[in-house]
Amino acid sequence: MASRENAFVEITPDVLLKAYACGIFPMAESADDPALYWIEPPLRGIIPLEGFHVPARLARTVRTTPYTVRIDRDFDGVIDGCAEPKPDRGRTWINARIRRIYKSLFDEGHCHTVEVYDGDTLVGGLYGVSLGRAFFGESMFHRARDASKIALVHLVARLKAGGYRLLDTQFVTEHLKTFGAVEVPKRRYHRLLEEALIGEGDFAALPADRPVSGAEALAAIEGDN
């Protein structure tokens, strides 16, 4: 289900958080379209945190990669990466309003980034919204092999360490299925969301002032932290 928002009606961070709490989120048709659409899929993508699967090859990469993973340092760089055209997607849904709204959420501490660096170069990452003990993944990107996958592993490590209950992926792709993503009907999703909005997750339960190693992230996922 989608409803169009007037292009000239500004969406405040408070309105956006209330929308997430109701199970809806905004998207644009393209970067050039100023209008936003409120989306509520009949089947919602989630990754059950207790069922998150890290393939063996990726676990080795996460543990041994020379990449550095940090959080919340470069929102603009991450959203620029997420908005880049891809071989299978010539245009992006991230328009100027999306950038502005989520930057406001980032400034208020409700939007977070996971950033993967090769030296000083940003090579992958993701961003999403934290509300209660739910995290709503918005978009991810990579400019180097496995960089977005490494970001997702580190995100799940933070969510598990911080007591989160729900990781919302909005939709399910073949890529996300390899990590355990599933579709749930709207009614079940709302029950999961209602439970996850009780209490407050701690996105900084793993260190936020230094890089977290791959071994630390994997340990958090396995419950050994």
C-alpha atoms as a PDB file:
ATOM      1  CA  MET A   1       0.000   0.000   0.000  1.00  0.00           C
ATOM      2  CA  ALA A   2       1.316   3.456  -0.860  1.00  0.00           C
ATOM      3  CA  SER A   3      -0.082   6.959  -0.495  1.00  0.00           C
ATOM      4  CA  ARG A   4       1.429  10.097  -2.008  1.00  0.00           C
ATOM      5  CA  GLU A   5       2.593  12.937   0.218  1.00  0.00           C
ATOM      6  CA  ASN A   6       2.310  16.470  -1.136  1.00  0.00           C
ATOM      7  CA  ALA A   7       5.688  17.613  -2.416  1.00  0.00           C
ATOM      8  CA  PHE A   8       5.478  20.896  -0.514  1.00  0.00           C
ATOM      9  CA  VAL A   9       4.411  19.534   2.896  1.00  0.00           C
ATOM     10  CA  GLU A  10       7.535  19.066   4.995  1.00  0.00           C
ATOM     11  CA  ILE A  11       7.858  15.898   7.058  1.00  0.00           C
ATOM     12  CA  THR A  12       9.426  16.572  10.437  1.00  0.00           C
ATOM     13  CA  PRO A  13      11.579  14.045  12.322  1.00  0.00           C
ATOM     14  CA  ASP A  14       8.772  13.663  14.876  1.00  0.00           C
ATOM     15  CA  VAL A  15       6.230  12.853  12.155  1.00  0.00           C
ATOM     16  CA  LEU A  16       8.640  10.347  10.616  1.00  0.00           C
ATOM     17  CA  LEU A  17       9.200   8.557  13.927  1.00  0.00           C
ATOM     18  CA  LYS A  18       5.451   8.348  14.491  1.00  0.00           C
ATOM     19  CA  ALA A  19       5.097   6.869  11.008  1.00  0.00           C
ATOM     20  CA  TYR A  20       7.679   4.190  11.785  1.00  0.00           C
ATOM     21  CA  ALA A  21       5.852   3.412  15.020  1.00  0.00           C
ATOM     22  CA  CYS A  22       2.715   2.827  12.931  1.00  0.00           C
ATOM     23  CA  GLY A  23       4.528   0.552  10.491  1.00  0.00           C
ATOM     24  CA  ILE A  24       4.897   2.886   7.505  1.00  0.00           C
ATOM     25  CA  PHE A  25       7.916   4.526   5.886  1.00  0.00           C
ATOM     26  CA  PRO A  26       8.549   7.031   3.083  1.00  0.00           C
ATOM     27  CA  MET A  27      10.102   6.480  -0.338  1.00  0.00           C
ATOM     28  CA  ALA A  28      10.458   8.614  -3.444  1.00  0.00           C
ATOM     29  CA  GLU A  29       9.852   7.492  -7.017  1.00  0.00           C
ATOM     30  CA  SER A  30      13.248   8.855  -8.053  1.00  0.00           C
ATOM     31  CA  ALA A  31      15.876  11.383  -7.046  1.00  0.00           C
ATOM     32  CA  ASP A  32      14.244  13.951  -9.318  1.00  0.00           C
ATOM     33  CA  ASP A  33      10.711  13.525  -7.943  1.00  0.00           C
ATOM     34  CA  PRO A  34      10.092  15.850  -4.948  1.00  0.00           C
ATOM     35  CA  ALA A  35       7.069  13.836  -3.801  1.00  0.00           C
ATOM     36  CA  LEU A  36       7.243  11.088  -1.205  1.00  0.00           C
ATOM     37  CA  TYR A  37       5.103   7.997  -0.884  1.00  0.00           C
ATOM     38  CA  TRP A  38       4.100   6.413   2.396  1.00  0.00           C
ATOM     39  CA  ILE A  39       4.681   2.666   2.064  1.00  0.00           C
ATOM     40  CA  GLU A  40       3.137  -0.195   4.063  1.00  0.00           C
ATOM     41  CA  PRO A  41       3.885  -3.516   2.341  1.00  0.00           C
ATOM     42  CA  PRO A  42       1.386  -6.352   2.872  1.00  0.00           C
ATOM     43  CA  LEU A  43       4.420  -8.589   3.480  1.00  0.00           C
ATOM     44  CA  ARG A  44       7.211  -7.027   5.509  1.00  0.00           C
ATOM     45  CA  GLY A  45      10.852  -8.047   5.374  1.00  0.00           C
ATOM     46  CA  ILE A  46      12.614  -8.724   8.661  1.00  0.00           C
ATOM     47  CA  ILE A  47      15.780 -10.487   9.763  1.00  0.00           C
ATOM     48  CA  PRO A  48      15.104 -12.386  13.013  1.00  0.00           C
ATOM     49  CA  LEU A  49      18.066 -11.405  15.149  1.00  0.00           C
ATOM     50  CA  GLU A  50      18.295 -14.819  16.805  1.00  0.00           C
ATOM     51  CA  GLY A  51      18.252 -16.459  13.384  1.00  0.00           C
ATOM     52  CA  PHE A  52      20.849 -14.233  11.732  1.00  0.00           C
ATOM     53  CA  HIS A  53      23.115 -16.418   9.606  1.00  0.00           C
ATOM     54  CA  VAL A  54      26.699 -15.528   8.722  1.00  0.00           C
ATOM     55  CA  PRO A  55      27.991 -17.780   5.909  1.00  0.00           C
ATOM     56  CA  ALA A  56      31.320 -19.410   6.731  1.00  0.00           C
ATOM     57  CA  ARG A  57      33.244 -17.598   3.981  1.00  0.00           C
ATOM     58  CA  LEU A  58      31.873 -14.239   5.092  1.00  0.00           C
ATOM     59  CA  ALA A  59      32.710 -14.997   8.740  1.00  0.00           C
ATOM     60  CA  ARG A  60      36.337 -15.545   7.709  1.00  0.00           C
ATOM     61  CA  THR A  61      36.281 -12.280   5.783  1.00  0.00           C
ATOM     62  CA  VAL A  62      34.768 -10.370   8.719  1.00  0.00           C
ATOM     63  CA  ARG A  63      37.385 -11.809  11.065  1.00  0.00           C
ATOM     64  CA  THR A  64      40.432 -11.244   8.856  1.00  0.00           C
ATOM     65  CA  THR A  65      39.602  -8.219   6.693  1.00  0.00           C
ATOM     66  CA  PRO A  66      41.876  -5.189   6.983  1.00  0.00           C
ATOM     67  CA  TYR A  67      38.831  -2.916   6.750  1.00  0.00           C
ATOM     68  CA  THR A  68      37.939  -0.656   9.667  1.00  0.00           C
ATOM     69  CA  VAL A  69      34.312  -0.427  10.788  1.00  0.00           C
ATOM     70  CA  ARG A  70      32.982   2.652  12.571  1.00  0.00           C
ATOM     71  CA  ILE A  71      29.572   4.147  13.299  1.00  0.00           C
ATOM     72  CA  ASP A  72      27.966   7.560  12.943  1.00  0.00           C
ATOM     73  CA  ARG A  73      30.950   9.442  11.482  1.00  0.00           C
ATOM     74  CA  ASP A  74      29.885  10.290   7.927  1.00  0.00           C
ATOM     75  CA  PHE A  75      26.146  10.304   7.291  1.00  0.00           C
ATOM     76  CA  ASP A  76      26.519  12.296   4.075  1.00  0.00           C
ATOM     77  CA  GLY A  77      29.097   9.872   2.727  1.00  0.00           C
ATOM     78  CA  VAL A  78      26.907   6.872   3.478  1.00  0.00           C
ATOM     79  CA  ILE A  79      23.753   8.297   1.943  1.00  0.00           C
ATOM     80  CA  ASP A  80      25.773   9.394  -1.115  1.00  0.00           C
ATOM     81  CA  GLY A  81      26.938   5.802  -1.476  1.00  0.00           C
ATOM     82  CA  CYS A  82      23.421   4.443  -1.074  1.00  0.00           C
ATOM     83  CA  ALA A  83      22.174   6.852  -3.756  1.00  0.00           C
ATOM     84  CA  GLU A  84      24.764   5.839  -6.350  1.00  0.00           C
ATOM     85  CA  PRO A  85      23.438   4.065  -9.479  1.00  0.00           C
ATOM     86  CA  LYS A  86      24.035   0.328  -9.598  1.00  0.00           C
ATOM     87  CA  PRO A  87      24.349  -2.031 -12.566  1.00  0.00           C
ATOM     88  CA  ASP A  88      20.827  -3.302 -11.920  1.00  0.00           C
ATOM     89  CA  ARG A  89      19.421   0.089 -10.887  1.00  0.00           C
ATOM     90  CA  GLY A  90      19.984   3.142 -12.999  1.00  0.00           C
ATOM     91  CA  ARG A  91      18.249   5.571 -10.665  1.00  0.00           C
ATOM     92  CA  THR A  92      17.768   5.977  -6.943  1.00  0.00           C
ATOM     93  CA  TRP A  93      14.750   6.580  -4.727  1.00  0.00           C
ATOM     94  CA  ILE A  94      16.830   8.827  -2.430  1.00  0.00           C
ATOM     95  CA  ASN A  95      15.797  12.381  -3.287  1.00  0.00           C
ATOM     96  CA  ALA A  96      16.677  15.685  -1.624  1.00  0.00           C
ATOM     97  CA  ARG A  97      13.796  15.428   0.861  1.00  0.00           C
ATOM     98  CA  ILE A  98      14.869  11.953   1.945  1.00  0.00           C
ATOM     99  CA  ARG A  99      18.414  13.233   2.510  1.00  0.00           C
ATOM    100  CA  ARG A 100      17.169  16.215   4.520  1.00  0.00           C
ATOM    101  CA  ILE A 101      14.728  14.264   6.683  1.00  0.00           C
ATOM    102  CA  TYR A 102      17.134  11.491   7.601  1.00  0.00           C
ATOM    103  CA  LYS A 103      19.974  13.929   8.224  1.00  0.00           C
ATOM    104  CA  SER A 104      17.695  15.625  10.780  1.00  0.00           C
ATOM    105  CA  LEU A 105      17.028  12.235  12.385  1.00  0.00           C
ATOM    106  CA  PHE A 106      20.775  11.563  12.398  1.00  0.00           C
ATOM    107  CA  ASP A 107      21.451  14.889  14.108  1.00  0.00           C
ATOM    108  CA  GLU A 108      18.854  13.975  16.752  1.00  0.00           C
ATOM    109  CA  GLY A 109      20.382  10.533  17.353  1.00  0.00           C
ATOM    110  CA  HIS A 110      17.574   8.450  15.851  1.00  0.00           C
ATOM    111  CA  CYS A 111      19.343   7.593  12.600  1.00  0.00           C
ATOM    112  CA  HIS A 112      22.607   5.645  12.594  1.00  0.00           C
ATOM    113  CA  THR A 113      25.253   4.642  10.095  1.00  0.00           C
ATOM    114  CA  VAL A 114      27.633   1.707   9.952  1.00  0.00           C
ATOM    115  CA  GLU A 115      30.673   2.622   7.862  1.00  0.00           C
ATOM    116  CA  VAL A 116      33.348   0.379   6.355  1.00  0.00           C
ATOM    117  CA  TYR A 117      36.720   1.924   5.515  1.00  0.00           C
ATOM    118  CA  ASP A 118      39.725   0.764   3.548  1.00  0.00           C
ATOM    119  CA  GLY A 119      42.301   3.032   5.118  1.00  0.00           C
ATOM    120  CA  ASP A 120      40.621   6.436   4.993  1.00  0.00           C
ATOM    121  CA  THR A 121      38.347   5.543   2.051  1.00  0.00           C
ATOM    122  CA  LEU A 122      34.684   4.755   2.657  1.00  0.00           C
ATOM    123  CA  VAL A 123      34.018   1.530   0.726  1.00  0.00           C
ATOM    124  CA  GLY A 124      30.648   0.446   2.103  1.00  0.00           C
ATOM    125  CA  GLY A 125      28.013   1.011   4.709  1.00  0.00           C
ATOM    126  CA  LEU A 126      24.381   1.315   5.629  1.00  0.00           C
ATOM    127  CA  TYR A 127      21.981   3.576   7.471  1.00  0.00           C
ATOM    128  CA  GLY A 128      18.719   3.139   9.313  1.00  0.00           C
ATOM    129  CA  VAL A 129      16.417   4.389  12.040  1.00  0.00           C
ATOM    130  CA  SER A 130      16.442   3.336  15.681  1.00  0.00           C
ATOM    131  CA  LEU A 131      13.212   3.551  17.665  1.00  0.00           C
ATOM    132  CA  GLY A 132      12.664   1.733  20.922  1.00  0.00           C
ATOM    133  CA  ARG A 133      14.205  -1.689  20.420  1.00  0.00           C
ATOM    134  CA  ALA A 134      13.491  -1.720  16.682  1.00  0.00           C
ATOM    135  CA  PHE A 135      15.928  -0.857  13.923  1.00  0.00           C
ATOM    136  CA  PHE A 136      14.588   0.004  10.486  1.00  0.00           C
ATOM    137  CA  GLY A 137      17.226  -0.610   7.824  1.00  0.00           C
ATOM    138  CA  GLU A 138      16.932   1.885   4.990  1.00  0.00           C
ATOM    139  CA  SER A 139      19.699   1.244   2.486  1.00  0.00           C
ATOM    140  CA  MET A 140      23.217  -0.135   2.087  1.00  0.00           C
ATOM    141  CA  PHE A 141      25.994   0.129  -0.477  1.00  0.00           C
ATOM    142  CA  HIS A 142      29.405  -1.227  -1.361  1.00  0.00           C
ATOM    143  CA  ARG A 143      32.300  -0.075  -3.485  1.00  0.00           C
ATOM    144  CA  ALA A 144      34.473  -3.048  -2.564  1.00  0.00           C
ATOM    145  CA  ARG A 145      33.663  -6.732  -2.331  1.00  0.00           C
ATOM    146  CA  ASP A 146      31.701  -7.752   0.776  1.00  0.00           C
ATOM    147  CA  ALA A 147      31.793  -4.240   2.275  1.00  0.00           C
ATOM    148  CA  SER A 148      28.004  -3.960   2.639  1.00  0.00           C
ATOM    149  CA  LYS A 149      27.841  -7.499   4.041  1.00  0.00           C
ATOM    150  CA  ILE A 150      30.472  -6.620   6.622  1.00  0.00           C
ATOM    151  CA  ALA A 151      28.421  -3.545   7.562  1.00  0.00           C
ATOM    152  CA  LEU A 152      25.329  -5.716   8.035  1.00  0.00           C
ATOM    153  CA  VAL A 153      27.210  -8.155  10.269  1.00  0.00           C
ATOM    154  CA  HIS A 154      28.438  -5.281  12.422  1.00  0.00           C
ATOM    155  CA  LEU A 155      24.931  -3.813  12.547  1.00  0.00           C
ATOM    156  CA  VAL A 156      23.441  -7.080  13.818  1.00  0.00           C
ATOM    157  CA  ALA A 157      26.239  -7.374  16.377  1.00  0.00           C
ATOM    158  CA  ARG A 158      25.310  -3.933  17.739  1.00  0.00           C
ATOM    159  CA  LEU A 159      21.606  -4.711  17.762  1.00  0.00           C
ATOM    160  CA  LYS A 160      22.095  -7.981  19.645  1.00  0.00           C
ATOM    161  CA  ALA A 161      24.504  -6.402  22.115  1.00  0.00           C
ATOM    162  CA  GLY A 162      22.120  -3.474  22.617  1.00  0.00           C
ATOM    163  CA  GLY A 163      19.019  -5.514  23.383  1.00  0.00           C
ATOM    164  CA  TYR A 164      17.105  -4.851  20.162  1.00  0.00           C
ATOM    165  CA  ARG A 165      14.176  -7.091  19.255  1.00  0.00           C
ATOM    166  CA  LEU A 166      13.386  -6.246  15.635  1.00  0.00           C
ATOM    167  CA  LEU A 167      15.449  -5.659  12.487  1.00  0.00           C
ATOM    168  CA  ASP A 168      13.125  -4.403   9.758  1.00  0.00           C
ATOM    169  CA  THR A 169      14.490  -4.683   6.199  1.00  0.00           C
ATOM    170  CA  GLN A 170      11.246  -3.409   4.592  1.00  0.00           C
ATOM    171  CA  PHE A 171      11.546  -5.880   1.704  1.00  0.00           C
ATOM    172  CA  VAL A 172      13.333  -9.209   1.213  1.00  0.00           C
ATOM    173  CA  THR A 173      15.917  -9.713  -1.524  1.00  0.00           C
ATOM    174  CA  GLU A 174      17.789 -12.860  -2.516  1.00  0.00           C
ATOM    175  CA  HIS A 175      20.859 -11.239  -0.988  1.00  0.00           C
ATOM    176  CA  LEU A 176      19.144 -10.744   2.379  1.00  0.00           C
ATOM    177  CA  LYS A 177      17.737 -14.282   2.358  1.00  0.00           C
ATOM    178  CA  THR A 178      21.274 -15.604   2.742  1.00  0.00           C
ATOM    179  CA  PHE A 179      21.333 -13.943   6.170  1.00  0.00           C
ATOM    180  CA  GLY A 180      17.978 -15.365   7.251  1.00  0.00           C
ATOM    181  CA  ALA A 181      15.599 -12.618   6.084  1.00  0.00           C
ATOM    182  CA  VAL A 182      11.942 -13.624   5.861  1.00  0.00           C
ATOM    183  CA  GLU A 183       8.636 -12.012   4.939  1.00  0.00           C
ATOM    184  CA  VAL A 184       5.921 -11.739   7.579  1.00  0.00           C
ATOM    185  CA  PRO A 185       2.268 -10.725   7.086  1.00  0.00           C
ATOM    186  CA  LYS A 186       1.313  -7.205   8.112  1.00  0.00           C
ATOM    187  CA  ARG A 187      -0.637  -8.336  11.181  1.00  0.00           C
ATOM    188  CA  ARG A 188       2.293 -10.342  12.552  1.00  0.00           C
ATOM    189  CA  TYR A 189       4.687  -7.507  11.752  1.00  0.00           C
ATOM    190  CA  HIS A 190       2.591  -5.088  13.792  1.00  0.00           C
ATOM    191  CA  ARG A 191       2.703  -7.471  16.765  1.00  0.00           C
ATOM    192  CA  LEU A 192       6.496  -7.685  16.498  1.00  0.00           C
ATOM    193  CA  LEU A 193       6.732  -3.919  16.153  1.00  0.00           C
ATOM    194  CA  GLU A 194       4.489  -3.293  19.166  1.00  0.00           C
ATOM    195  CA  GLU A 195       6.706  -5.532  21.306  1.00  0.00           C
ATOM    196  CA  ALA A 196       9.888  -3.902  20.001  1.00  0.00           C
ATOM    197  CA  LEU A 197       8.683  -0.397  20.836  1.00  0.00           C
ATOM    198  CA  ILE A 198       8.677  -1.279  24.544  1.00  0.00           C
ATOM    199  CA  GLY A 199      11.954  -0.241  26.124  1.00  0.00           C
ATOM    200  CA  GLU A 200      15.002   1.300  24.505  1.00  0.00           C
ATOM    201  CA  GLY A 201      17.810  -0.359  22.564  1.00  0.00           C
ATOM    202  CA  ASP A 202      21.398   0.782  23.073  1.00  0.00           C
ATOM    203  CA  PHE A 203      23.116   1.260  19.711  1.00  0.00           C
ATOM    204  CA  ALA A 204      26.351   2.089  21.534  1.00  0.00           C
ATOM    205  CA  ALA A 205      26.406  -1.102  23.629  1.00  0.00           C
ATOM    206  CA  LEU A 206      29.464  -2.033  21.586  1.00  0.00           C
ATOM    207  CA  PRO A 207      32.113   0.707  21.623  1.00  0.00           C
ATOM    208  CA  ALA A 208      31.180   3.781  19.596  1.00  0.00           C
ATOM    209  CA  ASP A 209      34.434   5.706  20.094  1.00  0.00           C
ATOM    210  CA  ARG A 210      36.718   3.185  18.413  1.00  0.00           C
ATOM    211  CA  PRO A 211      36.505   0.611  15.629  1.00  0.00           C
ATOM    212  CA  VAL A 212      34.964  -2.742  16.575  1.00  0.00           C
ATOM    213  CA  SER A 213      36.918  -5.712  15.268  1.00  0.00           C
ATOM    214  CA  GLY A 214      35.384  -8.471  13.227  1.00  0.00           C
ATOM    215  CA  ALA A 215      36.082 -10.944  16.006  1.00  0.00           C
ATOM    216  CA  GLU A 216      34.195  -8.737  18.488  1.00  0.00           C
ATOM    217  CA  ALA A 217      31.248  -8.444  16.113  1.00  0.00           C
ATOM    218  CA  LEU A 218      31.033 -12.178  15.529  1.00  0.00           C
ATOM    219  CA  ALA A 219      31.281 -12.845  19.265  1.00  0.00           C
ATOM    220  CA  ALA A 220      28.375 -10.468  19.909  1.00  0.00           C
ATOM    221  CA  ILE A 221      26.281 -12.256  17.308  1.00  0.00           C
ATOM    222  CA  GLU A 222      27.101 -15.627  18.818  1.00  0.00           C
ATOM    223  CA  GLY A 223      26.262 -14.357  22.300  1.00  0.00           C
ATOM    224  CA  ASP A 224      29.800 -14.555  23.649  1.00  0.00           C
ATOM    225  CA  ASN A 225      30.257 -10.844  24.328  1.00  0.00           C
END
